Protein backbone atom coordinates (compact mmCIF):
# COMPACT_ATOMS: atom_id res chain seq x y z
CA MET A 1 -29.08 237.58 101.50
CA SER A 2 -25.96 239.60 100.86
CA LYS A 3 -25.43 241.35 97.55
CA GLN A 4 -23.45 239.22 95.14
CA THR A 5 -20.64 240.75 93.19
CA LEU A 6 -19.11 239.51 90.00
CA PRO A 7 -15.35 238.95 89.94
CA LYS A 8 -13.02 241.47 88.29
CA TRP A 9 -12.22 239.05 85.46
CA PHE A 10 -15.90 238.92 84.39
CA ASN A 11 -16.18 240.50 80.93
CA GLY A 12 -19.76 239.65 80.00
CA GLU A 13 -22.90 241.72 80.00
CA LEU A 14 -24.15 242.70 83.45
CA TYR A 15 -27.92 242.48 83.59
CA LYS A 16 -30.02 244.79 85.73
CA GLU A 17 -32.61 242.11 86.58
CA GLY A 18 -32.57 238.40 87.23
CA ASN A 19 -34.68 235.80 85.48
CA THR A 20 -35.30 232.07 85.33
CA ALA A 21 -32.68 229.87 83.70
CA ILE A 22 -33.34 226.36 82.41
CA ASN A 23 -31.03 223.36 82.40
CA ARG A 24 -30.95 222.49 78.70
CA PHE A 25 -30.62 218.76 79.41
CA THR A 26 -33.13 218.23 82.23
CA GLY A 27 -35.55 221.12 81.75
CA GLU A 28 -35.23 222.06 85.44
CA GLU A 29 -35.62 225.75 86.17
CA TYR A 30 -33.98 228.04 88.71
CA LYS A 31 -34.61 231.72 89.46
CA LEU A 32 -31.35 233.67 89.28
CA THR A 33 -30.30 237.11 90.46
CA ALA A 34 -29.03 239.63 87.92
CA GLU A 35 -25.42 238.73 88.75
CA GLU A 36 -26.09 235.00 88.53
CA LEU A 37 -27.89 235.37 85.21
CA SER A 38 -25.01 237.43 83.84
CA MET A 39 -22.53 234.71 84.84
CA TYR A 40 -24.86 231.96 83.59
CA ASP A 41 -24.97 233.53 80.13
CA LEU A 42 -21.18 233.89 80.05
CA ILE A 43 -20.82 230.20 80.97
CA MET A 44 -23.39 229.06 78.42
CA GLY A 45 -21.90 231.16 75.64
CA ALA A 46 -18.44 229.76 76.29
CA SER A 47 -19.82 226.20 76.53
CA ILE A 48 -21.60 226.45 73.22
CA MET A 49 -18.49 227.82 71.51
CA VAL A 50 -16.44 224.89 72.81
CA GLU A 51 -19.12 222.31 71.92
CA MET A 52 -19.40 223.66 68.38
CA GLY A 53 -15.68 223.16 67.93
CA MET A 54 -15.03 226.83 67.37
CA ASP A 55 -11.42 227.93 67.57
CA VAL A 56 -11.53 229.38 71.08
CA ASP A 57 -8.55 230.74 72.93
CA LYS A 58 -7.50 229.43 76.32
CA GLY A 59 -8.96 232.53 77.99
CA ILE A 60 -12.50 231.50 77.11
CA ILE A 61 -12.00 228.03 78.56
CA LYS A 62 -10.41 229.57 81.65
CA ASP A 63 -13.37 231.94 82.08
CA LEU A 64 -15.76 229.00 81.66
CA ARG A 65 -14.06 227.11 84.49
CA LYS A 66 -13.82 230.17 86.72
CA GLY A 67 -17.50 230.92 86.07
CA LEU A 68 -18.52 227.45 87.18
CA GLU A 69 -16.41 227.82 90.32
CA TRP A 70 -18.03 231.21 90.99
CA PHE A 71 -21.46 229.56 90.77
CA LYS A 72 -20.47 226.76 93.16
CA GLU A 73 -19.32 229.31 95.72
CA ASN A 74 -22.17 231.80 95.33
CA ASN A 75 -25.20 229.57 94.79
CA SER A 76 -24.49 225.85 95.07
CA LYS A 77 -28.20 224.96 94.69
CA ALA A 78 -28.46 226.80 91.38
CA TYR A 79 -25.17 225.22 90.28
CA LEU A 80 -26.53 221.72 90.92
CA VAL A 81 -29.82 222.40 89.13
CA LEU A 82 -28.33 224.15 86.09
CA PHE A 83 -24.93 222.50 85.65
CA GLY A 84 -24.83 219.42 87.89
């Protein structure tokens, strides 16, 4: 498998190791690489902010959408398990 790279717009924490992520609605698990886990946490943080009705700027929503697209392109199986 080729080394994944995060896009230039990514402004979250870059983890050194991957871990298992859990779909909060279904309980399904998926093992993620360090890059995938970093993007997953950015997506989840933005999602929670939006769901809580926090006053978020358009950049956060834009990053949320771009993060989901990144996941679809880089690991469609993980995308379906965690976000589908």
